[in-house]
Amino acid sequence: MENAFAKVSSKGQLVIPAQMREALGIEAGTRVAIRQEGEELILHPQTRAATQRLIDRLRGLTAGGPSMSDELIAERRAEDAKSGW
């Protein structure tokens, strides 16, 4: 998407262009996280679509590693065996 320009109002408000709002699913009331990196502001809309994209990126991140639930079950069984249950 090409650059778009907007002016900051006297109240510090900034209007995100409609095309960008629609593309990102930003509606009235959508929270937007703002982070400063050097001389830049990075905006991250907190929409359901954005949250789902994050979940999709993280999905499978620990695949192939140890299963924490399996380890917990094994620990509990070992404790039960020691206690005589």
C-alpha atoms as a PDB file:
ATOM      1  CA  MET A   1       0.000   0.000   0.000  1.00  0.00           C
ATOM      2  CA  GLU A   2       1.292   3.462  -0.818  1.00  0.00           C
ATOM      3  CA  ASN A   3       2.066   6.125   1.753  1.00  0.00           C
ATOM      4  CA  ALA A   4      -0.818   8.262   2.909  1.00  0.00           C
ATOM      5  CA  PHE A   5      -0.533  11.592   4.653  1.00  0.00           C
ATOM      6  CA  ALA A   6      -2.595  13.092   7.456  1.00  0.00           C
ATOM      7  CA  LYS A   7      -2.334  16.112   9.711  1.00  0.00           C
ATOM      8  CA  VAL A   8      -2.349  15.999  13.481  1.00  0.00           C
ATOM      9  CA  SER A   9      -5.112  18.162  14.950  1.00  0.00           C
ATOM     10  CA  SER A  10      -4.595  20.718  17.717  1.00  0.00           C
ATOM     11  CA  LYS A  11      -5.894  18.028  20.098  1.00  0.00           C
ATOM     12  CA  GLY A  12      -3.251  15.528  18.931  1.00  0.00           C
ATOM     13  CA  GLN A  13      -5.747  13.491  16.907  1.00  0.00           C
ATOM     14  CA  LEU A  14      -4.801  11.760  13.691  1.00  0.00           C
ATOM     15  CA  VAL A  15      -7.220  10.376  11.100  1.00  0.00           C
ATOM     16  CA  ILE A  16      -6.238   7.023   9.595  1.00  0.00           C
ATOM     17  CA  PRO A  17      -7.267   6.988   5.918  1.00  0.00           C
ATOM     18  CA  ALA A  18     -10.445   4.994   5.197  1.00  0.00           C
ATOM     19  CA  GLN A  19      -8.731   2.586   2.795  1.00  0.00           C
ATOM     20  CA  MET A  20      -6.220   1.600   5.483  1.00  0.00           C
ATOM     21  CA  ARG A  21      -8.905   1.312   8.186  1.00  0.00           C
ATOM     22  CA  GLU A  22     -10.951  -0.981   5.972  1.00  0.00           C
ATOM     23  CA  ALA A  23      -7.950  -3.112   4.990  1.00  0.00           C
ATOM     24  CA  LEU A  24      -6.974  -3.608   8.650  1.00  0.00           C
ATOM     25  CA  GLY A  25     -10.484  -3.965  10.084  1.00  0.00           C
ATOM     26  CA  ILE A  26     -10.187  -0.827  12.201  1.00  0.00           C
ATOM     27  CA  GLU A  27     -13.602   0.436  13.332  1.00  0.00           C
ATOM     28  CA  ALA A  28     -14.728   3.170  15.700  1.00  0.00           C
ATOM     29  CA  GLY A  29     -13.572   2.229  19.194  1.00  0.00           C
ATOM     30  CA  THR A  30     -10.734  -0.065  18.036  1.00  0.00           C
ATOM     31  CA  ARG A  31      -7.760   0.168  20.381  1.00  0.00           C
ATOM     32  CA  VAL A  32      -4.432   0.922  18.704  1.00  0.00           C
ATOM     33  CA  ALA A  33      -1.105   0.184  20.392  1.00  0.00           C
ATOM     34  CA  ILE A  34       1.504   2.860  19.631  1.00  0.00           C
ATOM     35  CA  ARG A  35       5.242   2.261  19.975  1.00  0.00           C
ATOM     36  CA  GLN A  36       8.087   4.675  19.292  1.00  0.00           C
ATOM     37  CA  GLU A  37      11.154   3.320  17.517  1.00  0.00           C
ATOM     38  CA  GLY A  38      13.676   6.104  17.137  1.00  0.00           C
ATOM     39  CA  GLU A  39      12.021   8.775  15.000  1.00  0.00           C
ATOM     40  CA  GLU A  40       9.118   6.523  13.939  1.00  0.00           C
ATOM     41  CA  LEU A  41       5.743   5.667  15.437  1.00  0.00           C
ATOM     42  CA  ILE A  42       4.554   2.100  14.928  1.00  0.00           C
ATOM     43  CA  LEU A  43       0.791   1.551  15.143  1.00  0.00           C
ATOM     44  CA  HIS A  44      -0.668  -1.890  15.898  1.00  0.00           C
ATOM     45  CA  PRO A  45      -4.465  -2.083  15.745  1.00  0.00           C
ATOM     46  CA  GLN A  46      -5.871  -4.427  18.366  1.00  0.00           C
ATOM     47  CA  THR A  47      -8.578  -5.984  16.205  1.00  0.00           C
ATOM     48  CA  ARG A  48      -9.798  -9.574  16.250  1.00  0.00           C
ATOM     49  CA  ALA A  49      -8.189 -10.065  12.838  1.00  0.00           C
ATOM     50  CA  ALA A  50      -4.846  -8.761  14.153  1.00  0.00           C
ATOM     51  CA  THR A  51      -5.096 -11.011  17.197  1.00  0.00           C
ATOM     52  CA  GLN A  52      -5.874 -13.996  14.977  1.00  0.00           C
ATOM     53  CA  ARG A  53      -2.870 -13.191  12.760  1.00  0.00           C
ATOM     54  CA  LEU A  54      -0.653 -13.171  15.862  1.00  0.00           C
ATOM     55  CA  ILE A  55      -2.070 -16.505  17.014  1.00  0.00           C
ATOM     56  CA  ASP A  56      -1.509 -17.965  13.549  1.00  0.00           C
ATOM     57  CA  ARG A  57       2.121 -16.787  13.564  1.00  0.00           C
ATOM     58  CA  LEU A  58       2.709 -18.308  17.015  1.00  0.00           C
ATOM     59  CA  ARG A  59       0.907 -21.567  16.277  1.00  0.00           C
ATOM     60  CA  GLY A  60       3.344 -24.448  16.036  1.00  0.00           C
ATOM     61  CA  LEU A  61       6.187 -22.401  17.505  1.00  0.00           C
ATOM     62  CA  THR A  62       6.862 -25.081  20.106  1.00  0.00           C
ATOM     63  CA  ALA A  63       6.014 -28.046  17.877  1.00  0.00           C
ATOM     64  CA  GLY A  64       8.392 -30.927  18.298  1.00  0.00           C
ATOM     65  CA  GLY A  65       9.381 -29.851  21.780  1.00  0.00           C
ATOM     66  CA  PRO A  66       8.467 -31.535  25.036  1.00  0.00           C
ATOM     67  CA  SER A  67       4.801 -31.638  25.972  1.00  0.00           C
ATOM     68  CA  MET A  68       4.329 -29.782  29.239  1.00  0.00           C
ATOM     69  CA  SER A  69       1.120 -31.675  29.966  1.00  0.00           C
ATOM     70  CA  ASP A  70       2.877 -35.015  29.426  1.00  0.00           C
ATOM     71  CA  GLU A  71       5.672 -33.924  31.775  1.00  0.00           C
ATOM     72  CA  LEU A  72       3.155 -32.818  34.408  1.00  0.00           C
ATOM     73  CA  ILE A  73       1.270 -36.116  34.201  1.00  0.00           C
ATOM     74  CA  ALA A  74       4.549 -38.043  34.522  1.00  0.00           C
ATOM     75  CA  GLU A  75       5.497 -35.973  37.597  1.00  0.00           C
ATOM     76  CA  ARG A  76       2.133 -36.627  39.246  1.00  0.00           C
ATOM     77  CA  ARG A  77       2.371 -40.364  38.542  1.00  0.00           C
ATOM     78  CA  ALA A  78       5.879 -40.441  40.018  1.00  0.00           C
ATOM     79  CA  GLU A  79       4.635 -38.615  43.133  1.00  0.00           C
ATOM     80  CA  ASP A  80       1.712 -41.043  43.431  1.00  0.00           C
ATOM     81  CA  ALA A  81       4.083 -44.008  43.117  1.00  0.00           C
ATOM     82  CA  LYS A  82       6.296 -42.635  45.904  1.00  0.00           C
ATOM     83  CA  SER A  83       3.337 -42.006  48.197  1.00  0.00           C
ATOM     84  CA  GLY A  84       1.910 -45.492  47.645  1.00  0.00           C
ATOM     85  CA  TRP A  85      -1.322 -44.531  45.881  1.00  0.00           C
END
